[in-house]
Amino acid sequence: MRRRLRLLNNATLLELASGVSTSLLLVVGFASSFLRLEHVYGAAVLFFLAVALLGTSLFGFGQEVRIGLSEADQFH
């Protein structure tokens, strides 16, 4: 049970970090476009970070679901 709680907690924190990265990506994109600054590299780094965090959090959620399903099979 503690492992499942830890997996859910980590996945949720990673998901929130992904959302923050995505928000920063939008802010940087709009602000640099408004100020006519080059933002290609900064946007690429933020996009990569957001996708990596999202993928990692989905992997954690998948692990928790697998554990939950295997525990449910034990009771049937």
PDB file of N, CA and C in Angstrom:
ATOM      1  N   MET A   1       0.818  -1.192   0.000  1.00  0.00           N
ATOM      2  CA  MET A   1       0.000   0.000   0.000  1.00  0.00           C
ATOM      3  C   MET A   1       0.869   1.266   0.000  1.00  0.00           C
ATOM      4  N   ARG A   2       1.973   1.218   0.760  1.00  0.00           N
ATOM      5  CA  ARG A   2       2.867   2.389   0.799  1.00  0.00           C
ATOM      6  C   ARG A   2       3.505   2.632  -0.568  1.00  0.00           C
ATOM      7  N   ARG A   3       3.823   1.540  -1.267  1.00  0.00           N
ATOM      8  CA  ARG A   3       4.423   1.687  -2.600  1.00  0.00           C
ATOM      9  C   ARG A   3       3.435   2.351  -3.553  1.00  0.00           C
ATOM     10  N   ARG A   4       2.193   1.946  -3.486  1.00  0.00           N
ATOM     11  CA  ARG A   4       1.174   2.553  -4.350  1.00  0.00           C
ATOM     12  C   ARG A   4       1.004   4.028  -4.035  1.00  0.00           C
ATOM     13  N   LEU A   5       1.009   4.363  -2.751  1.00  0.00           N
ATOM     14  CA  LEU A   5       0.877   5.767  -2.348  1.00  0.00           C
ATOM     15  C   LEU A   5       2.066   6.579  -2.843  1.00  0.00           C
ATOM     16  N   ARG A   6       3.266   6.012  -2.742  1.00  0.00           N
ATOM     17  CA  ARG A   6       4.462   6.705  -3.208  1.00  0.00           C
ATOM     18  C   ARG A   6       4.419   6.901  -4.725  1.00  0.00           C
ATOM     19  N   LEU A   7       3.973   5.866  -5.454  1.00  0.00           N
ATOM     20  CA  LEU A   7       3.861   5.984  -6.908  1.00  0.00           C
ATOM     21  C   LEU A   7       2.858   7.060  -7.307  1.00  0.00           C
ATOM     22  N   LEU A   8       1.708   7.069  -6.652  1.00  0.00           N
ATOM     23  CA  LEU A   8       0.703   8.090  -6.954  1.00  0.00           C
ATOM     24  C   LEU A   8       1.197   9.490  -6.619  1.00  0.00           C
ATOM     25  N   ASN A   9       1.877   9.618  -5.482  1.00  0.00           N
ATOM     26  CA  ASN A   9       2.394  10.922  -5.074  1.00  0.00           C
ATOM     27  C   ASN A   9       3.430  11.423  -6.075  1.00  0.00           C
ATOM     28  N   ASN A  10       4.369  10.568  -6.447  1.00  0.00           N
ATOM     29  CA  ASN A  10       5.399  10.967  -7.408  1.00  0.00           C
ATOM     30  C   ASN A  10       4.801  11.308  -8.763  1.00  0.00           C
ATOM     31  N   ALA A  11       3.867  10.496  -9.232  1.00  0.00           N
ATOM     32  CA  ALA A  11       3.243  10.744 -10.532  1.00  0.00           C
ATOM     33  C   ALA A  11       2.466  12.052 -10.520  1.00  0.00           C
ATOM     34  N   THR A  12       1.787  12.335  -9.430  1.00  0.00           N
ATOM     35  CA  THR A  12       1.029  13.582  -9.337  1.00  0.00           C
ATOM     36  C   THR A  12       1.960  14.788  -9.334  1.00  0.00           C
ATOM     37  N   LEU A  13       3.057  14.709  -8.594  1.00  0.00           N
ATOM     38  CA  LEU A  13       4.019  15.815  -8.569  1.00  0.00           C
ATOM     39  C   LEU A  13       4.651  16.033  -9.944  1.00  0.00           C
ATOM     40  N   LEU A  14       4.965  14.947 -10.643  1.00  0.00           N
ATOM     41  CA  LEU A  14       5.522  15.075 -11.987  1.00  0.00           C
ATOM     42  C   LEU A  14       4.507  15.668 -12.957  1.00  0.00           C
ATOM     43  N   GLU A  15       3.257  15.284 -12.803  1.00  0.00           N
ATOM     44  CA  GLU A  15       2.201  15.829 -13.655  1.00  0.00           C
ATOM     45  C   GLU A  15       2.042  17.334 -13.422  1.00  0.00           C
ATOM     46  N   LEU A  16       2.087  17.746 -12.172  1.00  0.00           N
ATOM     47  CA  LEU A  16       2.011  19.177 -11.865  1.00  0.00           C
ATOM     48  C   LEU A  16       3.214  19.927 -12.436  1.00  0.00           C
ATOM     49  N   ALA A  17       4.396  19.347 -12.326  1.00  0.00           N
ATOM     50  CA  ALA A  17       5.591  19.974 -12.897  1.00  0.00           C
ATOM     51  C   ALA A  17       5.475  20.076 -14.416  1.00  0.00           C
ATOM     52  N   SER A  18       4.885  19.074 -15.047  1.00  0.00           N
ATOM     53  CA  SER A  18       4.657  19.121 -16.488  1.00  0.00           C
ATOM     54  C   SER A  18       3.700  20.258 -16.846  1.00  0.00           C
ATOM     55  N   GLY A  19       2.654  20.417 -16.060  1.00  0.00           N
ATOM     56  CA  GLY A  19       1.706  21.514 -16.294  1.00  0.00           C
ATOM     57  C   GLY A  19       2.352  22.875 -16.129  1.00  0.00           C
ATOM     58  N   VAL A  20       3.209  23.014 -15.124  1.00  0.00           N
ATOM     59  CA  VAL A  20       3.921  24.277 -14.915  1.00  0.00           C
ATOM     60  C   VAL A  20       4.858  24.539 -16.091  1.00  0.00           C
ATOM     61  N   SER A  21       5.563  23.515 -16.552  1.00  0.00           N
ATOM     62  CA  SER A  21       6.461  23.671 -17.709  1.00  0.00           C
ATOM     63  C   SER A  21       5.684  24.083 -18.956  1.00  0.00           C
ATOM     64  N   THR A  22       4.527  23.477 -19.147  1.00  0.00           N
ATOM     65  CA  THR A  22       3.701  23.828 -20.295  1.00  0.00           C
ATOM     66  C   THR A  22       3.217  25.270 -20.197  1.00  0.00           C
ATOM     67  N   SER A  23       2.837  25.699 -18.994  1.00  0.00           N
ATOM     68  CA  SER A  23       2.420  27.091 -18.795  1.00  0.00           C
ATOM     69  C   SER A  23       3.566  28.052 -19.067  1.00  0.00           C
ATOM     70  N   LEU A  24       4.757  27.707 -18.581  1.00  0.00           N
ATOM     71  CA  LEU A  24       5.929  28.539 -18.851  1.00  0.00           C
ATOM     72  C   LEU A  24       6.228  28.604 -20.347  1.00  0.00           C
ATOM     73  N   LEU A  25       6.053  27.476 -21.017  1.00  0.00           N
ATOM     74  CA  LEU A  25       6.264  27.441 -22.462  1.00  0.00           C
ATOM     75  C   LEU A  25       5.338  28.426 -23.165  1.00  0.00           C
ATOM     76  N   LEU A  26       4.086  28.445 -22.775  1.00  0.00           N
ATOM     77  CA  LEU A  26       3.128  29.378 -23.384  1.00  0.00           C
ATOM     78  C   LEU A  26       3.480  30.828 -23.072  1.00  0.00           C
ATOM     79  N   VAL A  27       3.848  31.100 -21.828  1.00  0.00           N
ATOM     80  CA  VAL A  27       4.199  32.469 -21.432  1.00  0.00           C
ATOM     81  C   VAL A  27       5.436  32.940 -22.186  1.00  0.00           C
ATOM     82  N   VAL A  28       6.465  32.101 -22.229  1.00  0.00           N
ATOM     83  CA  VAL A  28       7.697  32.467 -22.930  1.00  0.00           C
ATOM     84  C   VAL A  28       7.421  32.665 -24.422  1.00  0.00           C
ATOM     85  N   GLY A  29       6.630  31.785 -24.999  1.00  0.00           N
ATOM     86  CA  GLY A  29       6.310  31.905 -26.419  1.00  0.00           C
ATOM     87  C   GLY A  29       5.577  33.199 -26.745  1.00  0.00           C
ATOM     88  N   PHE A  30       4.566  33.504 -25.984  1.00  0.00           N
ATOM     89  CA  PHE A  30       3.806  34.725 -26.246  1.00  0.00           C
ATOM     90  C   PHE A  30       4.610  35.980 -25.926  1.00  0.00           C
ATOM     91  N   ALA A  31       5.331  35.977 -24.815  1.00  0.00           N
ATOM     92  CA  ALA A  31       6.111  37.165 -24.430  1.00  0.00           C
ATOM     93  C   ALA A  31       7.228  37.438 -25.433  1.00  0.00           C
ATOM     94  N   SER A  32       7.946  36.404 -25.838  1.00  0.00           N
ATOM     95  CA  SER A  32       9.031  36.630 -26.786  1.00  0.00           C
ATOM     96  C   SER A  32       8.500  36.997 -28.166  1.00  0.00           C
ATOM     97  N   SER A  33       7.362  36.476 -28.538  1.00  0.00           N
ATOM     98  CA  SER A  33       6.756  36.873 -29.804  1.00  0.00           C
ATOM     99  C   SER A  33       6.303  38.330 -29.737  1.00  0.00           C
ATOM    100  N   PHE A  34       5.728  38.709 -28.625  1.00  0.00           N
ATOM    101  CA  PHE A  34       5.274  40.087 -28.442  1.00  0.00           C
ATOM    102  C   PHE A  34       6.453  41.062 -28.478  1.00  0.00           C
ATOM    103  N   LEU A  35       7.570  40.661 -27.856  1.00  0.00           N
ATOM    104  CA  LEU A  35       8.764  41.505 -27.806  1.00  0.00           C
ATOM    105  C   LEU A  35       9.686  41.278 -29.006  1.00  0.00           C
ATOM    106  N   ARG A  36       9.268  40.402 -29.918  1.00  0.00           N
ATOM    107  CA  ARG A  36      10.022  40.072 -31.134  1.00  0.00           C
ATOM    108  C   ARG A  36      11.439  39.585 -30.819  1.00  0.00           C
ATOM    109  N   LEU A  37      11.504  38.658 -29.876  1.00  0.00           N
ATOM    110  CA  LEU A  37      12.763  38.033 -29.490  1.00  0.00           C
ATOM    111  C   LEU A  37      12.802  36.607 -30.019  1.00  0.00           C
ATOM    112  N   GLU A  38      13.997  36.098 -30.217  1.00  0.00           N
ATOM    113  CA  GLU A  38      14.156  34.702 -30.597  1.00  0.00           C
ATOM    114  C   GLU A  38      13.844  33.814 -29.397  1.00  0.00           C
ATOM    115  N   HIS A  39      12.998  32.844 -29.596  1.00  0.00           N
ATOM    116  CA  HIS A  39      12.610  31.973 -28.487  1.00  0.00           C
ATOM    117  C   HIS A  39      12.665  30.491 -28.859  1.00  0.00           C
ATOM    118  N   VAL A  40      13.296  30.198 -29.969  1.00  0.00           N
ATOM    119  CA  VAL A  40      13.290  28.834 -30.489  1.00  0.00           C
ATOM    120  C   VAL A  40      13.934  27.863 -29.512  1.00  0.00           C
ATOM    121  N   TYR A  41      15.123  28.184 -29.017  1.00  0.00           N
ATOM    122  CA  TYR A  41      15.840  27.244 -28.152  1.00  0.00           C
ATOM    123  C   TYR A  41      15.197  27.133 -26.775  1.00  0.00           C
ATOM    124  N   GLY A  42      14.780  28.238 -26.220  1.00  0.00           N
ATOM    125  CA  GLY A  42      14.106  28.201 -24.915  1.00  0.00           C
ATOM    126  C   GLY A  42      12.797  27.429 -24.979  1.00  0.00           C
ATOM    127  N   ALA A  43      12.050  27.640 -26.045  1.00  0.00           N
ATOM    128  CA  ALA A  43      10.783  26.920 -26.211  1.00  0.00           C
ATOM    129  C   ALA A  43      11.036  25.431 -26.398  1.00  0.00           C
ATOM    130  N   ALA A  44      12.088  25.095 -27.136  1.00  0.00           N
ATOM    131  CA  ALA A  44      12.399  23.683 -27.357  1.00  0.00           C
ATOM    132  C   ALA A  44      12.765  22.992 -26.046  1.00  0.00           C
ATOM    133  N   VAL A  45      13.536  23.663 -25.207  1.00  0.00           N
ATOM    134  CA  VAL A  45      13.929  23.086 -23.916  1.00  0.00           C
ATOM    135  C   VAL A  45      12.708  22.905 -23.021  1.00  0.00           C
ATOM    136  N   LEU A  46      11.851  23.916 -22.959  1.00  0.00           N
ATOM    137  CA  LEU A  46      10.648  23.814 -22.129  1.00  0.00           C
ATOM    138  C   LEU A  46       9.702  22.740 -22.653  1.00  0.00           C
ATOM    139  N   PHE A  47       9.578  22.615 -23.968  1.00  0.00           N
ATOM    140  CA  PHE A  47       8.715  21.583 -24.544  1.00  0.00           C
ATOM    141  C   PHE A  47       9.250  20.196 -24.216  1.00  0.00           C
ATOM    142  N   PHE A  48      10.564  20.006 -24.377  1.00  0.00           N
ATOM    143  CA  PHE A  48      11.175  18.720 -24.047  1.00  0.00           C
ATOM    144  C   PHE A  48      10.962  18.390 -22.581  1.00  0.00           C
ATOM    145  N   LEU A  49      11.163  19.373 -21.694  1.00  0.00           N
ATOM    146  CA  LEU A  49      10.970  19.160 -20.256  1.00  0.00           C
ATOM    147  C   LEU A  49       9.528  18.776 -19.942  1.00  0.00           C
ATOM    148  N   ALA A  50       8.569  19.482 -20.526  1.00  0.00           N
ATOM    149  CA  ALA A  50       7.155  19.193 -20.274  1.00  0.00           C
ATOM    150  C   ALA A  50       6.784  17.788 -20.731  1.00  0.00           C
ATOM    151  N   VAL A  51       7.255  17.394 -21.908  1.00  0.00           N
ATOM    152  CA  VAL A  51       6.922  16.066 -22.435  1.00  0.00           C
ATOM    153  C   VAL A  51       7.607  14.967 -21.622  1.00  0.00           C
ATOM    154  N   ALA A  52       8.857  15.209 -21.217  1.00  0.00           N
ATOM    155  CA  ALA A  52       9.574  14.218 -20.408  1.00  0.00           C
ATOM    156  C   ALA A  52       8.890  14.031 -19.052  1.00  0.00           C
ATOM    157  N   LEU A  53       8.476  15.120 -18.427  1.00  0.00           N
ATOM    158  CA  LEU A  53       7.778  15.014 -17.143  1.00  0.00           C
ATOM    159  C   LEU A  53       6.436  14.313 -17.297  1.00  0.00           C
ATOM    160  N   LEU A  54       5.724  14.632 -18.356  1.00  0.00           N
ATOM    161  CA  LEU A  54       4.436  13.980 -18.601  1.00  0.00           C
ATOM    162  C   LEU A  54       4.613  12.482 -18.824  1.00  0.00           C
ATOM    163  N   GLY A  55       5.590  12.112 -19.633  1.00  0.00           N
ATOM    164  CA  GLY A  55       5.837  10.698 -19.885  1.00  0.00           C
ATOM    165  C   GLY A  55       6.225   9.943 -18.627  1.00  0.00           C
ATOM    166  N   THR A  56       7.063  10.552 -17.808  1.00  0.00           N
ATOM    167  CA  THR A  56       7.473   9.926 -16.554  1.00  0.00           C
ATOM    168  C   THR A  56       6.294   9.763 -15.604  1.00  0.00           C
ATOM    169  N   SER A  57       5.441  10.778 -15.538  1.00  0.00           N
ATOM    170  CA  SER A  57       4.278  10.676 -14.646  1.00  0.00           C
ATOM    171  C   SER A  57       3.299   9.612 -15.143  1.00  0.00           C
ATOM    172  N   LEU A  58       3.121   9.513 -16.448  1.00  0.00           N
ATOM    173  CA  LEU A  58       2.238   8.475 -16.988  1.00  0.00           C
ATOM    174  C   LEU A  58       2.796   7.083 -16.713  1.00  0.00           C
ATOM    175  N   PHE A  59       4.102   6.926 -16.770  1.00  0.00           N
ATOM    176  CA  PHE A  59       4.722   5.650 -16.435  1.00  0.00           C
ATOM    177  C   PHE A  59       4.433   5.292 -14.974  1.00  0.00           C
ATOM    178  N   GLY A  60       4.544   6.280 -14.072  1.00  0.00           N
ATOM    179  CA  GLY A  60       4.240   6.046 -12.654  1.00  0.00           C
ATOM    180  C   GLY A  60       2.786   5.677 -12.433  1.00  0.00           C
ATOM    181  N   PHE A  61       1.878   6.378 -13.116  1.00  0.00           N
ATOM    182  CA  PHE A  61       0.463   6.027 -13.011  1.00  0.00           C
ATOM    183  C   PHE A  61       0.218   4.615 -13.531  1.00  0.00           C
ATOM    184  N   GLY A  62       0.896   4.262 -14.610  1.00  0.00           N
ATOM    185  CA  GLY A  62       0.750   2.911 -15.166  1.00  0.00           C
ATOM    186  C   GLY A  62       1.215   1.837 -14.195  1.00  0.00           C
ATOM    187  N   GLN A  63       2.309   2.093 -13.499  1.00  0.00           N
ATOM    188  CA  GLN A  63       2.788   1.145 -12.490  1.00  0.00           C
ATOM    189  C   GLN A  63       1.752   0.975 -11.383  1.00  0.00           C
ATOM    190  N   GLU A  64       1.174   2.071 -10.933  1.00  0.00           N
ATOM    191  CA  GLU A  64       0.188   2.008  -9.856  1.00  0.00           C
ATOM    192  C   GLU A  64      -1.041   1.236 -10.309  1.00  0.00           C
ATOM    193  N   VAL A  65      -1.487   1.473 -11.533  1.00  0.00           N
ATOM    194  CA  VAL A  65      -2.654   0.751 -12.056  1.00  0.00           C
ATOM    195  C   VAL A  65      -2.363  -0.736 -12.134  1.00  0.00           C
ATOM    196  N   ARG A  66      -1.170  -1.098 -12.607  1.00  0.00           N
ATOM    197  CA  ARG A  66      -0.798  -2.511 -12.692  1.00  0.00           C
ATOM    198  C   ARG A  66      -0.806  -3.160 -11.313  1.00  0.00           C
ATOM    199  N   ILE A  67      -0.265  -2.473 -10.311  1.00  0.00           N
ATOM    200  CA  ILE A  67      -0.265  -3.009  -8.943  1.00  0.00           C
ATOM    201  C   ILE A  67      -1.695  -3.151  -8.433  1.00  0.00           C
ATOM    202  N   GLY A  68      -2.512  -2.113  -8.681  1.00  0.00           N
ATOM    203  CA  GLY A  68      -3.905  -2.160  -8.229  1.00  0.00           C
ATOM    204  C   GLY A  68      -4.680  -3.303  -8.852  1.00  0.00           C
ATOM    205  N   LEU A  69      -4.451  -3.538 -10.141  1.00  0.00           N
ATOM    206  CA  LEU A  69      -5.152  -4.647 -10.808  1.00  0.00           C
ATOM    207  C   LEU A  69      -4.669  -6.004 -10.309  1.00  0.00           C
ATOM    208  N   SER A  70      -3.389  -6.124 -10.057  1.00  0.00           N
ATOM    209  CA  SER A  70      -2.892  -7.420  -9.555  1.00  0.00           C
ATOM    210  C   SER A  70      -3.397  -7.681  -8.150  1.00  0.00           C
ATOM    211  N   GLU A  71      -3.521  -6.642  -7.322  1.00  0.00           N
ATOM    212  CA  GLU A  71      -4.086  -6.821  -5.977  1.00  0.00           C
ATOM    213  C   GLU A  71      -5.570  -7.148  -6.049  1.00  0.00           C
ATOM    214  N   ALA A  72      -6.281  -6.562  -7.005  1.00  0.00           N
ATOM    215  CA  ALA A  72      -7.707  -6.847  -7.153  1.00  0.00           C
ATOM    216  C   ALA A  72      -7.932  -8.299  -7.570  1.00  0.00           C
ATOM    217  N   ASP A  73      -7.019  -8.841  -8.391  1.00  0.00           N
ATOM    218  CA  ASP A  73      -7.137 -10.242  -8.818  1.00  0.00           C
ATOM    219  C   ASP A  73      -6.962 -11.202  -7.644  1.00  0.00           C
ATOM    220  N   GLN A  74      -6.228 -10.819  -6.646  1.00  0.00           N
ATOM    221  CA  GLN A  74      -5.997 -11.687  -5.499  1.00  0.00           C
ATOM    222  C   GLN A  74      -7.251 -11.879  -4.664  1.00  0.00           C
ATOM    223  N   PHE A  75      -8.174 -10.923  -4.722  1.00  0.00           N
ATOM    224  CA  PHE A  75      -9.388 -10.994  -3.916  1.00  0.00           C
ATOM    225  C   PHE A  75     -10.555 -11.650  -4.640  1.00  0.00           C
ATOM    226  N   HIS A  76     -10.385 -11.986  -5.887  1.00  0.00           N
ATOM    227  CA  HIS A  76     -11.477 -12.637  -6.628  1.00  0.00           C
ATOM    228  C   HIS A  76     -11.214 -14.076  -6.859  1.00  0.00           C
TER     229      HIS A  76
END
